Amino acid sequence: MPRSNQPRRRRGTPGASAGKRGAQDRPEIELDRARIGIDRREVAPDGVWTVRTMTALRAGKDYTCPGCHRPIPPGQAHLVVWEEDHLFGEAAGIAERRHWHTRCWTGRTYRYR
């Protein structure tokens, strides 16, 4: 018997192919979270830090890097960092977040903190 190139249909569901799932089976994509970036947790001798990558498209303001004290111009990818285990709680850590050059953050020293 010759083989058919047409997809098989599920029984009881007219017009639905076997490889497709319903919309209720797929997870909802959070577009804002995907655009901003995913936070990662870094543990270092100077504390526990939350680090978020800021893409070049999302960087719209001037910031000063606390590592080198040079400006981070708009449109340059960088990191947003805040202390996760802040003395006054999580809200205070987020309020004191800083924007770092990626290279300055990875090459920082711990002895002055």
N, C-alpha and C. Protein backbone atom coordinates (compact mmCIF):
# COMPACT_ATOMS: atom_id res chain seq x y z
N MET A 1 0.84 -1.17 0.00
CA MET A 1 0.00 0.00 0.00
C MET A 1 0.89 1.24 0.00
N PRO A 2 0.61 2.22 -0.86
CA PRO A 2 1.42 3.43 -0.91
C PRO A 2 1.22 4.29 0.34
N ARG A 3 2.28 5.02 0.68
CA ARG A 3 2.26 5.87 1.87
C ARG A 3 1.64 7.23 1.53
N SER A 4 0.85 7.77 2.45
CA SER A 4 0.20 9.06 2.24
C SER A 4 1.05 10.18 2.85
N ASN A 5 1.15 11.31 2.18
CA ASN A 5 1.90 12.45 2.70
C ASN A 5 1.04 13.43 3.47
N GLN A 6 -0.21 13.08 3.67
CA GLN A 6 -1.10 13.98 4.39
C GLN A 6 -1.09 13.63 5.88
N PRO A 7 -1.15 14.66 6.77
CA PRO A 7 -1.11 14.38 8.21
C PRO A 7 -2.36 13.65 8.66
N ARG A 8 -2.20 12.86 9.69
CA ARG A 8 -3.33 12.13 10.25
C ARG A 8 -4.15 13.06 11.12
N ARG A 9 -5.43 12.82 11.19
CA ARG A 9 -6.34 13.63 11.98
C ARG A 9 -6.67 12.89 13.27
N ARG A 10 -6.88 13.67 14.34
CA ARG A 10 -7.34 13.06 15.58
C ARG A 10 -8.79 12.64 15.44
N ARG A 11 -9.12 11.62 16.14
CA ARG A 11 -10.51 11.18 16.12
C ARG A 11 -11.35 12.08 17.01
N GLY A 12 -12.48 12.47 16.56
CA GLY A 12 -13.39 13.27 17.36
C GLY A 12 -13.17 14.77 17.23
N THR A 13 -12.04 15.20 16.68
CA THR A 13 -11.78 16.63 16.52
C THR A 13 -11.59 16.91 15.04
N PRO A 14 -12.62 17.37 14.36
CA PRO A 14 -12.48 17.61 12.93
C PRO A 14 -11.54 18.79 12.66
N GLY A 15 -10.61 18.58 11.73
CA GLY A 15 -9.72 19.67 11.32
C GLY A 15 -8.49 19.85 12.19
N ALA A 16 -8.33 19.09 13.26
CA ALA A 16 -7.16 19.25 14.13
C ALA A 16 -6.14 18.18 13.79
N SER A 17 -4.89 18.59 13.61
CA SER A 17 -3.85 17.62 13.32
C SER A 17 -3.30 17.06 14.64
N ALA A 18 -2.65 15.93 14.57
CA ALA A 18 -2.17 15.25 15.78
C ALA A 18 -1.02 16.00 16.43
N GLY A 19 -0.25 16.78 15.68
CA GLY A 19 0.92 17.45 16.24
C GLY A 19 0.62 18.77 16.92
N LYS A 20 -0.56 19.31 16.74
CA LYS A 20 -0.88 20.61 17.32
C LYS A 20 -1.54 20.45 18.68
N ARG A 21 -1.25 21.41 19.55
CA ARG A 21 -1.89 21.43 20.87
C ARG A 21 -2.83 22.63 20.91
N GLY A 22 -3.71 22.59 21.85
CA GLY A 22 -4.61 23.72 22.04
C GLY A 22 -3.88 24.90 22.67
N ALA A 23 -4.45 26.07 22.60
CA ALA A 23 -3.83 27.28 23.15
C ALA A 23 -3.71 27.20 24.67
N GLN A 24 -4.57 26.43 25.31
CA GLN A 24 -4.53 26.33 26.76
C GLN A 24 -3.31 25.53 27.23
N ASP A 25 -2.68 24.73 26.37
CA ASP A 25 -1.52 23.93 26.75
C ASP A 25 -0.22 24.72 26.73
N ARG A 26 -0.17 25.82 26.03
CA ARG A 26 1.06 26.61 25.91
C ARG A 26 1.19 27.60 27.04
N PRO A 27 2.40 27.76 27.59
CA PRO A 27 2.59 28.76 28.65
C PRO A 27 2.53 30.18 28.08
N GLU A 28 2.07 31.10 28.88
CA GLU A 28 2.00 32.51 28.48
C GLU A 28 3.40 33.11 28.50
N ILE A 29 3.76 33.83 27.45
CA ILE A 29 5.07 34.46 27.37
C ILE A 29 4.97 35.87 27.95
N GLU A 30 5.86 36.17 28.89
CA GLU A 30 5.90 37.51 29.47
C GLU A 30 6.87 38.35 28.65
N LEU A 31 6.34 39.18 27.75
CA LEU A 31 7.20 39.92 26.84
C LEU A 31 8.03 40.97 27.55
N ASP A 32 7.47 41.66 28.54
CA ASP A 32 8.25 42.66 29.25
C ASP A 32 9.43 42.02 29.97
N ARG A 33 9.22 40.89 30.58
CA ARG A 33 10.31 40.20 31.27
C ARG A 33 11.38 39.73 30.28
N ALA A 34 10.96 39.29 29.12
CA ALA A 34 11.92 38.84 28.11
C ALA A 34 12.73 40.01 27.56
N ARG A 35 12.11 41.17 27.43
CA ARG A 35 12.82 42.34 26.92
C ARG A 35 13.80 42.91 27.95
N ILE A 36 13.40 42.91 29.21
CA ILE A 36 14.24 43.47 30.27
C ILE A 36 15.42 42.57 30.56
N GLY A 37 15.19 41.30 30.63
CA GLY A 37 16.24 40.36 30.98
C GLY A 37 15.86 39.63 32.26
N ILE A 38 16.53 38.56 32.48
CA ILE A 38 16.24 37.74 33.64
C ILE A 38 17.28 38.03 34.71
N ASP A 39 16.80 38.21 35.94
CA ASP A 39 17.71 38.47 37.05
C ASP A 39 18.48 37.20 37.38
N ARG A 40 19.73 37.41 37.74
CA ARG A 40 20.51 36.29 38.24
C ARG A 40 21.08 36.66 39.59
N ARG A 41 21.36 35.68 40.38
CA ARG A 41 21.84 35.89 41.74
C ARG A 41 23.32 35.56 41.78
N GLU A 42 24.13 36.48 42.31
CA GLU A 42 25.56 36.26 42.44
C GLU A 42 25.94 36.35 43.90
N VAL A 43 26.66 35.35 44.37
CA VAL A 43 27.15 35.34 45.73
C VAL A 43 28.64 35.65 45.68
N ALA A 44 29.05 36.68 46.41
CA ALA A 44 30.44 37.14 46.43
C ALA A 44 30.85 37.40 47.87
N PRO A 45 32.15 37.59 48.13
CA PRO A 45 32.59 37.88 49.50
C PRO A 45 31.97 39.14 50.09
N ASP A 46 31.52 40.06 49.24
CA ASP A 46 30.94 41.31 49.74
C ASP A 46 29.42 41.25 49.83
N GLY A 47 28.80 40.09 49.64
CA GLY A 47 27.36 39.98 49.80
C GLY A 47 26.70 39.18 48.70
N VAL A 48 25.38 39.15 48.76
CA VAL A 48 24.57 38.47 47.75
C VAL A 48 23.95 39.55 46.88
N TRP A 49 24.14 39.45 45.57
CA TRP A 49 23.73 40.50 44.65
C TRP A 49 22.76 39.95 43.63
N THR A 50 21.83 40.78 43.22
CA THR A 50 20.95 40.49 42.10
C THR A 50 21.45 41.31 40.92
N VAL A 51 21.70 40.63 39.80
CA VAL A 51 22.29 41.27 38.62
C VAL A 51 21.33 41.11 37.46
N ARG A 52 21.00 42.21 36.80
CA ARG A 52 20.12 42.20 35.64
C ARG A 52 20.85 42.82 34.46
N THR A 53 20.81 42.16 33.32
CA THR A 53 21.43 42.69 32.11
C THR A 53 20.50 43.71 31.48
N MET A 54 21.02 44.89 31.21
CA MET A 54 20.25 45.94 30.54
C MET A 54 20.73 46.00 29.09
N THR A 55 19.83 45.71 28.17
CA THR A 55 20.20 45.69 26.76
C THR A 55 20.40 47.11 26.24
N ALA A 56 21.03 47.22 25.10
CA ALA A 56 21.29 48.53 24.51
C ALA A 56 19.99 49.25 24.14
N LEU A 57 18.98 48.50 23.74
CA LEU A 57 17.70 49.13 23.38
C LEU A 57 16.97 49.68 24.59
N ARG A 58 17.16 49.06 25.76
CA ARG A 58 16.46 49.50 26.97
C ARG A 58 17.22 50.60 27.71
N ALA A 59 18.49 50.79 27.41
CA ALA A 59 19.29 51.79 28.11
C ALA A 59 19.02 53.16 27.48
N GLY A 60 18.24 53.97 28.18
CA GLY A 60 17.83 55.24 27.60
C GLY A 60 18.31 56.47 28.34
N LYS A 61 19.07 56.30 29.42
CA LYS A 61 19.52 57.44 30.21
C LYS A 61 21.02 57.36 30.44
N ASP A 62 21.59 58.47 30.90
CA ASP A 62 22.99 58.49 31.31
C ASP A 62 23.11 58.00 32.74
N TYR A 63 24.09 57.15 33.00
CA TYR A 63 24.38 56.68 34.35
C TYR A 63 25.88 56.80 34.58
N THR A 64 26.29 56.80 35.82
CA THR A 64 27.69 56.81 36.17
C THR A 64 28.03 55.48 36.82
N CYS A 65 29.03 54.81 36.30
CA CYS A 65 29.43 53.51 36.82
C CYS A 65 30.18 53.71 38.14
N PRO A 66 29.77 53.03 39.21
CA PRO A 66 30.48 53.18 40.48
C PRO A 66 31.84 52.49 40.49
N GLY A 67 32.13 51.66 39.51
CA GLY A 67 33.42 50.98 39.45
C GLY A 67 34.53 51.84 38.89
N CYS A 68 34.24 52.59 37.83
CA CYS A 68 35.26 53.41 37.18
C CYS A 68 34.93 54.90 37.20
N HIS A 69 33.74 55.25 37.67
CA HIS A 69 33.26 56.63 37.75
C HIS A 69 33.20 57.32 36.39
N ARG A 70 33.00 56.53 35.34
CA ARG A 70 32.83 57.06 34.00
C ARG A 70 31.38 56.92 33.60
N PRO A 71 30.91 57.73 32.66
CA PRO A 71 29.48 57.66 32.28
C PRO A 71 29.16 56.42 31.45
N ILE A 72 27.95 55.96 31.60
CA ILE A 72 27.38 54.92 30.74
C ILE A 72 26.37 55.64 29.86
N PRO A 73 26.70 55.86 28.59
CA PRO A 73 25.80 56.64 27.73
C PRO A 73 24.54 55.86 27.35
N PRO A 74 23.51 56.57 26.91
CA PRO A 74 22.30 55.88 26.44
C PRO A 74 22.63 54.99 25.24
N GLY A 75 22.01 53.84 25.19
CA GLY A 75 22.24 52.93 24.08
C GLY A 75 23.40 51.97 24.29
N GLN A 76 24.02 51.96 25.46
CA GLN A 76 25.11 51.05 25.74
C GLN A 76 24.63 49.97 26.72
N ALA A 77 24.85 48.72 26.37
CA ALA A 77 24.45 47.61 27.24
C ALA A 77 25.28 47.63 28.52
N HIS A 78 24.63 47.34 29.65
CA HIS A 78 25.31 47.35 30.93
C HIS A 78 24.55 46.48 31.93
N LEU A 79 24.93 46.51 33.19
CA LEU A 79 24.28 45.72 34.23
C LEU A 79 23.63 46.62 35.26
N VAL A 80 22.51 46.19 35.80
CA VAL A 80 21.87 46.85 36.93
C VAL A 80 22.03 45.90 38.11
N VAL A 81 22.62 46.40 39.20
CA VAL A 81 22.98 45.55 40.33
C VAL A 81 22.42 46.13 41.61
N TRP A 82 21.86 45.26 42.47
CA TRP A 82 21.45 45.69 43.79
C TRP A 82 21.71 44.57 44.79
N GLU A 83 21.85 44.97 46.04
CA GLU A 83 22.19 44.03 47.10
C GLU A 83 20.92 43.28 47.54
N GLU A 84 20.98 41.98 47.49
CA GLU A 84 19.81 41.17 47.83
C GLU A 84 19.62 41.07 49.34
N ASP A 85 20.72 41.00 50.08
CA ASP A 85 20.64 40.86 51.53
C ASP A 85 20.95 42.19 52.22
N HIS A 86 20.26 43.23 51.80
CA HIS A 86 20.47 44.57 52.34
C HIS A 86 20.06 44.61 53.81
N LEU A 87 20.75 45.42 54.60
CA LEU A 87 20.50 45.52 56.03
C LEU A 87 19.07 45.94 56.33
N PHE A 88 18.50 46.83 55.51
CA PHE A 88 17.15 47.35 55.76
C PHE A 88 16.08 46.69 54.90
N GLY A 89 16.38 45.56 54.30
CA GLY A 89 15.38 44.81 53.56
C GLY A 89 15.53 44.90 52.05
N GLU A 90 14.69 44.14 51.38
CA GLU A 90 14.76 44.04 49.93
C GLU A 90 14.41 45.35 49.23
N ALA A 91 13.42 46.08 49.75
CA ALA A 91 13.01 47.34 49.12
C ALA A 91 14.14 48.37 49.17
N ALA A 92 14.88 48.41 50.26
CA ALA A 92 16.02 49.34 50.36
C ALA A 92 17.13 48.95 49.40
N GLY A 93 17.35 47.65 49.22
CA GLY A 93 18.35 47.20 48.26
C GLY A 93 18.00 47.59 46.84
N ILE A 94 16.73 47.46 46.48
CA ILE A 94 16.28 47.83 45.14
C ILE A 94 16.38 49.34 44.95
N ALA A 95 16.07 50.10 46.00
CA ALA A 95 16.16 51.57 45.90
C ALA A 95 17.60 52.04 45.71
N GLU A 96 18.56 51.27 46.18
CA GLU A 96 19.97 51.64 46.06
C GLU A 96 20.67 50.91 44.92
N ARG A 97 19.95 50.49 43.91
CA ARG A 97 20.56 49.79 42.79
C ARG A 97 21.48 50.72 42.01
N ARG A 98 22.47 50.14 41.39
CA ARG A 98 23.46 50.90 40.63
C ARG A 98 23.65 50.29 39.25
N HIS A 99 24.02 51.12 38.31
CA HIS A 99 24.28 50.70 36.93
C HIS A 99 25.78 50.61 36.73
N TRP A 100 26.26 49.43 36.33
CA TRP A 100 27.68 49.15 36.17
C TRP A 100 27.98 48.79 34.72
N HIS A 101 29.20 49.14 34.27
CA HIS A 101 29.71 48.55 33.04
C HIS A 101 29.90 47.06 33.32
N THR A 102 29.67 46.23 32.33
CA THR A 102 29.81 44.79 32.52
C THR A 102 31.23 44.42 32.92
N ARG A 103 32.20 45.03 32.30
CA ARG A 103 33.60 44.74 32.62
C ARG A 103 33.98 45.22 34.01
N CYS A 104 33.47 46.36 34.42
CA CYS A 104 33.76 46.87 35.77
C CYS A 104 33.17 45.94 36.84
N TRP A 105 31.98 45.41 36.59
CA TRP A 105 31.35 44.52 37.57
C TRP A 105 32.12 43.20 37.69
N THR A 106 32.52 42.63 36.57
CA THR A 106 33.22 41.35 36.62
C THR A 106 34.64 41.49 37.16
N GLY A 107 35.24 42.66 37.04
CA GLY A 107 36.61 42.86 37.50
C GLY A 107 36.73 43.62 38.81
N ARG A 108 35.63 43.77 39.55
CA ARG A 108 35.68 44.56 40.77
C ARG A 108 36.47 43.83 41.85
N THR A 109 36.96 44.60 42.80
CA THR A 109 37.65 44.02 43.95
C THR A 109 36.75 44.11 45.16
N TYR A 110 36.96 43.24 46.12
CA TYR A 110 36.08 43.14 47.27
C TYR A 110 36.65 43.82 48.52
N ARG A 111 37.88 44.24 48.49
CA ARG A 111 38.50 44.73 49.72
C ARG A 111 37.99 46.08 50.19
N TYR A 112 37.36 46.87 49.32
CA TYR A 112 36.88 48.20 49.71
C TYR A 112 35.41 48.22 50.09
N ARG A 113 34.75 47.09 50.15
CA ARG A 113 33.34 47.04 50.47
C ARG A 113 33.12 46.50 51.85
